[in-house]
Each structure stands twice: as structure tokens, then as C-alpha cells.
Amino acid sequence: MKSVAKIFLFFIILLLVGHSAISQNADLRILKSINKNDFPVWDESMRITSDAVYPFMVVAPAALWITGHSYKDEEMKRNGIKTAIAIGGNIAIMVALKESVKRPRPYTSYPDDIVLRQKTTGFSFPSGHTSSAFATATALTLSSKKWYVAVPAFTYAGLVGYSRMRLGAHYGSDVLVGIIVGVGSSLLTWQCDKWISNK
């Protein structure tokens, strides 16, 4: 129980540090540099990258479970279930944080400075797309322990984070905390599974 408390405390500290590490001025300055100028082909590819998060987070656990079932690999089936739990937990944390902090979207607060390139709803902090992408990438990496799974998964997750700023939907601090929550959700799920297995 003390280990769970320590991980939870560490997780909260990371969130607070991530949120306060970037001042509002620096946050806006970074976002403006990423969001400026129109590049239609690039912007369309960023919209596709961003939209692909939802299929990615559904397909990943299903693919792990189906692979485990096909090869009669109980550990891989369990990894599929853990991945689904990690993503579900991540979404719950995201919703709670968004509703608690209620940070307006950057294009709402700075309509003259930030160009919105994709319709969004809800609050800005933290980035749910980024968090879901990193939760999924971390879970896939923990499941396979192969570099050729980890590299593309985290490259894609990183592009999702960038896309959220490029599209004008999030500040850099939203993305940073999204990364922390996403990675943390999967690591915590795997750690809990170890505790349960040991008992």
C-alpha cells in the first residue's frame, strides 16, 4: 500500500511540475511559433495524425488480445487487457483534470494570435489526444519489449502532441502533462498487475 501511495504522490508532483514549469507567456510564445503560417498539405497531415488517435487506442489492445488468443499466449492476452485498462484509466484522469482545471483553449483566449485548424470542444488542459497516444505507445512497448514496436509507437505519439499545437488546440504545457499522464497510466497499470500477480 505504501508503494501505491509513493507512485501516486510522484505522479501528482510530476503533474504539478509539468503544469507550472512553463509560464503562460512562454507557453503562448512556443505555441505561436508552432502554429504560425499556413501549410495546407502539412496541416492536413496533422489533422489525420490527430484523428487517428481514437482508432489507434482501440486497435492496439484488440490486436494484442487477438494475437495472444491466436498463438495461445496468455501473457499477450493479459497485455491486451492491461492496455485497455491503462487507456481507460488515462481517459478517466483526463476528464477529471479537464473538468477540474477548466483551462480555455488557446484560440479562445488568443483569437488574434492562434489559428484554429481543427474543430475542438471542451477544455484545453491537459491534451487528451496526446495522453491517449502516449498511454497506448507505452502499453505497446511494455507488451512487446521490442524497439521496432517502441520507436514507431512513440514517434507517432510525439507527432500527435506536435499536431495538437500545430492545429491550435493546445498549449505546450497541455501536451507535456498529457505525456506524463499517458506514460504514467500505463506504467501504473503494469505495476499494479505485478503486485496482483505477486499476491
C-alpha atoms as a PDB file:
ATOM      1  CA  MET A   1       0.000   0.000   0.000  1.00  0.00           C
ATOM      2  CA  LYS A   2       2.908   2.361   0.750  1.00  0.00           C
ATOM      3  CA  SER A   3       4.282   1.721  -2.749  1.00  0.00           C
ATOM      4  CA  VAL A   4       0.959   2.730  -4.313  1.00  0.00           C
ATOM      5  CA  ALA A   5       0.945   5.932  -2.251  1.00  0.00           C
ATOM      6  CA  LYS A   6       4.512   6.750  -3.329  1.00  0.00           C
ATOM      7  CA  ILE A   7       3.716   6.234  -7.022  1.00  0.00           C
ATOM      8  CA  PHE A   8       0.546   8.312  -6.707  1.00  0.00           C
ATOM      9  CA  LEU A   9       2.431  11.127  -4.928  1.00  0.00           C
ATOM     10  CA  PHE A  10       5.201  11.055  -7.565  1.00  0.00           C
ATOM     11  CA  PHE A  11       2.547  11.177 -10.289  1.00  0.00           C
ATOM     12  CA  ILE A  12       0.868  14.249  -8.711  1.00  0.00           C
ATOM     13  CA  ILE A  13       4.225  16.026  -8.314  1.00  0.00           C
ATOM     14  CA  LEU A  14       5.021  15.424 -11.985  1.00  0.00           C
ATOM     15  CA  LEU A  15       1.655  16.877 -12.977  1.00  0.00           C
ATOM     16  CA  LEU A  16       2.163  19.994 -10.884  1.00  0.00           C
ATOM     17  CA  VAL A  17       5.717  20.500 -12.115  1.00  0.00           C
ATOM     18  CA  GLY A  18       4.632  19.992 -15.722  1.00  0.00           C
ATOM     19  CA  HIS A  19       1.806  22.490 -15.408  1.00  0.00           C
ATOM     20  CA  SER A  20       3.815  25.171 -13.651  1.00  0.00           C
ATOM     21  CA  ALA A  21       7.114  24.642 -15.497  1.00  0.00           C
ATOM     22  CA  ILE A  22       6.026  26.702 -18.475  1.00  0.00           C
ATOM     23  CA  SER A  23       4.810  30.222 -17.731  1.00  0.00           C
ATOM     24  CA  GLN A  24       1.781  31.473 -19.657  1.00  0.00           C
ATOM     25  CA  ASN A  25       3.964  33.846 -21.701  1.00  0.00           C
ATOM     26  CA  ALA A  26       6.445  31.120 -22.644  1.00  0.00           C
ATOM     27  CA  ASP A  27       3.536  28.750 -23.303  1.00  0.00           C
ATOM     28  CA  LEU A  28       1.939  31.209 -25.720  1.00  0.00           C
ATOM     29  CA  ARG A  29       5.258  32.071 -27.371  1.00  0.00           C
ATOM     30  CA  ILE A  30       6.058  28.393 -28.056  1.00  0.00           C
ATOM     31  CA  LEU A  31       2.543  27.774 -29.361  1.00  0.00           C
ATOM     32  CA  LYS A  32       2.651  30.802 -31.673  1.00  0.00           C
ATOM     33  CA  SER A  33       5.952  29.655 -33.200  1.00  0.00           C
ATOM     34  CA  ILE A  34       4.491  26.192 -33.942  1.00  0.00           C
ATOM     35  CA  ASN A  35       1.061  27.438 -35.043  1.00  0.00           C
ATOM     36  CA  LYS A  36       2.105  30.280 -37.368  1.00  0.00           C
ATOM     37  CA  ASN A  37       1.823  30.316 -41.183  1.00  0.00           C
ATOM     38  CA  ASP A  38      -0.364  28.079 -43.311  1.00  0.00           C
ATOM     39  CA  PHE A  39       0.978  24.906 -44.913  1.00  0.00           C
ATOM     40  CA  PRO A  40      -2.149  23.175 -46.275  1.00  0.00           C
ATOM     41  CA  VAL A  41      -0.617  19.758 -47.015  1.00  0.00           C
ATOM     42  CA  TRP A  42       1.244  19.611 -43.697  1.00  0.00           C
ATOM     43  CA  ASP A  43      -1.789  20.855 -41.779  1.00  0.00           C
ATOM     44  CA  GLU A  44      -3.997  18.211 -43.364  1.00  0.00           C
ATOM     45  CA  SER A  45      -1.473  15.510 -42.417  1.00  0.00           C
ATOM     46  CA  MET A  46      -1.525  16.842 -38.835  1.00  0.00           C
ATOM     47  CA  ARG A  47      -5.337  16.596 -38.777  1.00  0.00           C
ATOM     48  CA  ILE A  48      -5.115  12.985 -39.966  1.00  0.00           C
ATOM     49  CA  THR A  49      -2.417  12.235 -37.361  1.00  0.00           C
ATOM     50  CA  SER A  50      -4.553  13.736 -34.625  1.00  0.00           C
ATOM     51  CA  ASP A  51      -7.765  11.983 -35.703  1.00  0.00           C
ATOM     52  CA  ALA A  52      -6.026   8.587 -35.872  1.00  0.00           C
ATOM     53  CA  VAL A  53      -5.562   8.520 -32.079  1.00  0.00           C
ATOM     54  CA  TYR A  54      -9.014   7.101 -31.408  1.00  0.00           C
ATOM     55  CA  PRO A  55      -8.713   4.136 -33.792  1.00  0.00           C
ATOM     56  CA  PHE A  56      -5.114   3.599 -32.535  1.00  0.00           C
ATOM     57  CA  MET A  57      -6.214   3.286 -28.914  1.00  0.00           C
ATOM     58  CA  VAL A  58      -8.977   0.813 -29.832  1.00  0.00           C
ATOM     59  CA  VAL A  59      -6.969  -1.301 -32.288  1.00  0.00           C
ATOM     60  CA  ALA A  60      -3.878  -1.645 -30.043  1.00  0.00           C
ATOM     61  CA  PRO A  61      -5.447  -3.590 -27.129  1.00  0.00           C
ATOM     62  CA  ALA A  62      -7.629  -5.600 -29.504  1.00  0.00           C
ATOM     63  CA  ALA A  63      -4.591  -6.559 -31.625  1.00  0.00           C
ATOM     64  CA  LEU A  64      -2.628  -7.645 -28.545  1.00  0.00           C
ATOM     65  CA  TRP A  65      -5.519  -9.760 -27.247  1.00  0.00           C
ATOM     66  CA  ILE A  66      -6.228 -11.337 -30.662  1.00  0.00           C
ATOM     67  CA  THR A  67      -2.520 -12.109 -31.140  1.00  0.00           C
ATOM     68  CA  GLY A  68      -2.397 -13.740 -27.722  1.00  0.00           C
ATOM     69  CA  HIS A  69      -5.550 -15.707 -28.432  1.00  0.00           C
ATOM     70  CA  SER A  70      -4.309 -16.845 -31.859  1.00  0.00           C
ATOM     71  CA  TYR A  71      -0.957 -18.049 -30.519  1.00  0.00           C
ATOM     72  CA  LYS A  72      -2.380 -19.302 -27.212  1.00  0.00           C
ATOM     73  CA  ASP A  73      -0.146 -16.786 -25.426  1.00  0.00           C
ATOM     74  CA  GLU A  74      -1.838 -15.986 -22.114  1.00  0.00           C
ATOM     75  CA  GLU A  75       0.639 -13.222 -21.266  1.00  0.00           C
ATOM     76  CA  MET A  76      -0.084 -11.391 -24.518  1.00  0.00           C
ATOM     77  CA  LYS A  77      -3.829 -11.721 -23.925  1.00  0.00           C
ATOM     78  CA  ARG A  78      -3.301 -10.269 -20.458  1.00  0.00           C
ATOM     79  CA  ASN A  79      -1.260  -7.437 -22.027  1.00  0.00           C
ATOM     80  CA  GLY A  80      -4.213  -6.655 -24.276  1.00  0.00           C
ATOM     81  CA  ILE A  81      -6.474  -6.373 -21.236  1.00  0.00           C
ATOM     82  CA  LYS A  82      -3.904  -4.278 -19.343  1.00  0.00           C
ATOM     83  CA  THR A  83      -3.602  -1.968 -22.341  1.00  0.00           C
ATOM     84  CA  ALA A  84      -7.368  -1.441 -22.389  1.00  0.00           C
ATOM     85  CA  ILE A  85      -7.337  -0.755 -18.631  1.00  0.00           C
ATOM     86  CA  ALA A  86      -4.427   1.704 -18.969  1.00  0.00           C
ATOM     87  CA  ILE A  87      -6.191   3.603 -21.759  1.00  0.00           C
ATOM     88  CA  GLY A  88      -9.467   3.627 -19.823  1.00  0.00           C
ATOM     89  CA  GLY A  89      -7.720   4.884 -16.688  1.00  0.00           C
ATOM     90  CA  ASN A  90      -5.946   7.521 -18.725  1.00  0.00           C
ATOM     91  CA  ILE A  91      -9.242   8.781 -20.143  1.00  0.00           C
ATOM     92  CA  ALA A  92     -10.766   8.971 -16.653  1.00  0.00           C
ATOM     93  CA  ILE A  93      -7.812  11.014 -15.379  1.00  0.00           C
ATOM     94  CA  MET A  94      -8.000  13.292 -18.440  1.00  0.00           C
ATOM     95  CA  VAL A  95     -11.685  14.015 -17.960  1.00  0.00           C
ATOM     96  CA  ALA A  96     -11.190  14.697 -14.231  1.00  0.00           C
ATOM     97  CA  LEU A  97      -8.286  17.081 -14.875  1.00  0.00           C
ATOM     98  CA  LYS A  98     -10.064  18.931 -17.689  1.00  0.00           C
ATOM     99  CA  GLU A  99     -13.183  19.430 -15.570  1.00  0.00           C
ATOM    100  CA  SER A 100     -11.127  20.472 -12.521  1.00  0.00           C
ATOM    101  CA  VAL A 101      -8.765  22.944 -14.202  1.00  0.00           C
ATOM    102  CA  LYS A 102     -11.162  24.221 -16.923  1.00  0.00           C
ATOM    103  CA  ARG A 103      -8.436  25.941 -18.908  1.00  0.00           C
ATOM    104  CA  PRO A 104      -9.816  27.669 -22.031  1.00  0.00           C
ATOM    105  CA  ARG A 105      -8.489  26.638 -25.423  1.00  0.00           C
ATOM    106  CA  PRO A 106      -5.672  28.873 -26.708  1.00  0.00           C
ATOM    107  CA  TYR A 107      -7.614  30.008 -29.773  1.00  0.00           C
ATOM    108  CA  THR A 108     -10.398  31.166 -27.414  1.00  0.00           C
ATOM    109  CA  SER A 109      -8.067  33.145 -25.175  1.00  0.00           C
ATOM    110  CA  TYR A 110      -5.898  34.497 -28.006  1.00  0.00           C
ATOM    111  CA  PRO A 111      -8.057  34.622 -31.143  1.00  0.00           C
ATOM    112  CA  ASP A 112      -5.739  37.170 -32.824  1.00  0.00           C
ATOM    113  CA  ASP A 113      -2.621  35.080 -32.232  1.00  0.00           C
ATOM    114  CA  ILE A 114      -3.661  31.436 -32.612  1.00  0.00           C
ATOM    115  CA  VAL A 115      -5.154  29.869 -35.732  1.00  0.00           C
ATOM    116  CA  LEU A 116      -7.596  27.016 -35.114  1.00  0.00           C
ATOM    117  CA  ARG A 117      -7.123  24.397 -37.827  1.00  0.00           C
ATOM    118  CA  GLN A 118      -9.380  21.679 -36.410  1.00  0.00           C
ATOM    119  CA  LYS A 119     -12.690  21.943 -34.606  1.00  0.00           C
ATOM    120  CA  THR A 120     -12.376  21.069 -30.921  1.00  0.00           C
ATOM    121  CA  THR A 121     -14.649  21.046 -27.892  1.00  0.00           C
ATOM    122  CA  GLY A 122     -14.153  21.102 -24.152  1.00  0.00           C
ATOM    123  CA  PHE A 123     -11.229  22.427 -22.157  1.00  0.00           C
ATOM    124  CA  SER A 124      -7.553  22.654 -23.026  1.00  0.00           C
ATOM    125  CA  PHE A 125      -5.629  21.223 -20.054  1.00  0.00           C
ATOM    126  CA  PRO A 126      -4.307  18.591 -20.475  1.00  0.00           C
ATOM    127  CA  SER A 127      -4.204  17.232 -24.040  1.00  0.00           C
ATOM    128  CA  GLY A 128      -6.379  14.121 -24.191  1.00  0.00           C
ATOM    129  CA  HIS A 129      -5.178  13.170 -27.677  1.00  0.00           C
ATOM    130  CA  THR A 130      -1.531  13.320 -26.574  1.00  0.00           C
ATOM    131  CA  SER A 131      -2.220  11.476 -23.358  1.00  0.00           C
ATOM    132  CA  SER A 132      -4.096   8.676 -25.125  1.00  0.00           C
ATOM    133  CA  ALA A 133      -1.368   8.332 -27.755  1.00  0.00           C
ATOM    134  CA  PHE A 134       1.382   8.052 -25.111  1.00  0.00           C
ATOM    135  CA  ALA A 135      -0.644   5.673 -22.934  1.00  0.00           C
ATOM    136  CA  THR A 136      -1.092   3.406 -25.959  1.00  0.00           C
ATOM    137  CA  ALA A 137       2.547   3.698 -27.087  1.00  0.00           C
ATOM    138  CA  THR A 138       3.796   2.891 -23.579  1.00  0.00           C
ATOM    139  CA  ALA A 139       1.451  -0.085 -23.249  1.00  0.00           C
ATOM    140  CA  LEU A 140       2.544  -1.481 -26.634  1.00  0.00           C
ATOM    141  CA  THR A 141       6.194  -1.081 -25.649  1.00  0.00           C
ATOM    142  CA  LEU A 142       5.678  -2.782 -22.287  1.00  0.00           C
ATOM    143  CA  SER A 143       3.792  -5.584 -24.027  1.00  0.00           C
ATOM    144  CA  SER A 144       6.318  -6.316 -26.766  1.00  0.00           C
ATOM    145  CA  LYS A 145       9.633  -5.056 -25.327  1.00  0.00           C
ATOM    146  CA  LYS A 146      10.811  -4.631 -28.952  1.00  0.00           C
ATOM    147  CA  TRP A 147      12.486  -1.499 -30.296  1.00  0.00           C
ATOM    148  CA  TYR A 148      10.723  -1.867 -33.627  1.00  0.00           C
ATOM    149  CA  VAL A 149       7.411  -1.505 -31.803  1.00  0.00           C
ATOM    150  CA  ALA A 150       8.549   1.228 -29.397  1.00  0.00           C
ATOM    151  CA  VAL A 151      10.173   3.544 -31.970  1.00  0.00           C
ATOM    152  CA  PRO A 152       7.191   3.897 -34.342  1.00  0.00           C
ATOM    153  CA  ALA A 153       4.698   3.964 -31.456  1.00  0.00           C
ATOM    154  CA  PHE A 154       6.475   6.797 -29.641  1.00  0.00           C
ATOM    155  CA  THR A 155       7.267   8.620 -32.888  1.00  0.00           C
ATOM    156  CA  TYR A 156       3.559   8.611 -33.692  1.00  0.00           C
ATOM    157  CA  ALA A 157       2.676   9.715 -30.142  1.00  0.00           C
ATOM    158  CA  GLY A 158       5.170  12.578 -30.386  1.00  0.00           C
ATOM    159  CA  LEU A 159       3.646  13.670 -33.701  1.00  0.00           C
ATOM    160  CA  VAL A 160       0.221  13.668 -32.077  1.00  0.00           C
ATOM    161  CA  GLY A 161       1.499  16.028 -29.377  1.00  0.00           C
ATOM    162  CA  TYR A 162       3.001  18.318 -32.004  1.00  0.00           C
ATOM    163  CA  SER A 163      -0.178  18.163 -34.100  1.00  0.00           C
ATOM    164  CA  ARG A 164      -2.309  19.391 -31.201  1.00  0.00           C
ATOM    165  CA  MET A 165      -0.222  22.571 -31.039  1.00  0.00           C
ATOM    166  CA  ARG A 166       0.071  22.951 -34.809  1.00  0.00           C
ATOM    167  CA  LEU A 167      -3.721  22.749 -35.071  1.00  0.00           C
ATOM    168  CA  GLY A 168      -4.112  25.413 -32.380  1.00  0.00           C
ATOM    169  CA  ALA A 169      -5.934  23.154 -29.934  1.00  0.00           C
ATOM    170  CA  HIS A 170      -3.419  23.049 -27.063  1.00  0.00           C
ATOM    171  CA  TYR A 171      -0.570  24.829 -25.315  1.00  0.00           C
ATOM    172  CA  GLY A 172       2.795  23.122 -24.867  1.00  0.00           C
ATOM    173  CA  SER A 173       2.086  22.601 -21.153  1.00  0.00           C
ATOM    174  CA  ASP A 174      -1.152  20.775 -22.051  1.00  0.00           C
ATOM    175  CA  VAL A 175       0.865  18.432 -24.235  1.00  0.00           C
ATOM    176  CA  LEU A 176       3.626  17.974 -21.631  1.00  0.00           C
ATOM    177  CA  VAL A 177       1.172  16.981 -18.910  1.00  0.00           C
ATOM    178  CA  GLY A 178      -0.661  14.770 -21.416  1.00  0.00           C
ATOM    179  CA  ILE A 179       2.609  12.887 -21.982  1.00  0.00           C
ATOM    180  CA  ILE A 180       3.171  12.487 -18.231  1.00  0.00           C
ATOM    181  CA  VAL A 181      -0.372  11.225 -17.607  1.00  0.00           C
ATOM    182  CA  GLY A 182      -0.327   8.888 -20.618  1.00  0.00           C
ATOM    183  CA  VAL A 183       3.005   7.254 -19.788  1.00  0.00           C
ATOM    184  CA  GLY A 184       2.146   7.200 -16.083  1.00  0.00           C
ATOM    185  CA  SER A 185      -1.216   5.498 -16.667  1.00  0.00           C
ATOM    186  CA  SER A 186       0.391   2.570 -18.472  1.00  0.00           C
ATOM    187  CA  LEU A 187       3.323   2.256 -16.062  1.00  0.00           C
ATOM    188  CA  LEU A 188       0.938   2.279 -13.096  1.00  0.00           C
ATOM    189  CA  THR A 189      -1.288  -0.361 -14.707  1.00  0.00           C
ATOM    190  CA  TRP A 190       1.688  -2.662 -15.301  1.00  0.00           C
ATOM    191  CA  GLN A 191       2.956  -2.092 -11.748  1.00  0.00           C
ATOM    192  CA  CYS A 192      -0.469  -2.879 -10.272  1.00  0.00           C
ATOM    193  CA  ASP A 193      -0.570  -6.078 -12.315  1.00  0.00           C
ATOM    194  CA  LYS A 194       2.813  -7.103 -10.847  1.00  0.00           C
ATOM    195  CA  TRP A 195       1.526  -6.523  -7.323  1.00  0.00           C
ATOM    196  CA  ILE A 196      -1.613  -8.534  -8.038  1.00  0.00           C
ATOM    197  CA  SER A 197       0.418 -11.362  -9.627  1.00  0.00           C
ATOM    198  CA  ASN A 198       2.827 -11.490  -6.676  1.00  0.00           C
ATOM    199  CA  LYS A 199      -0.042 -11.758  -4.235  1.00  0.00           C
END
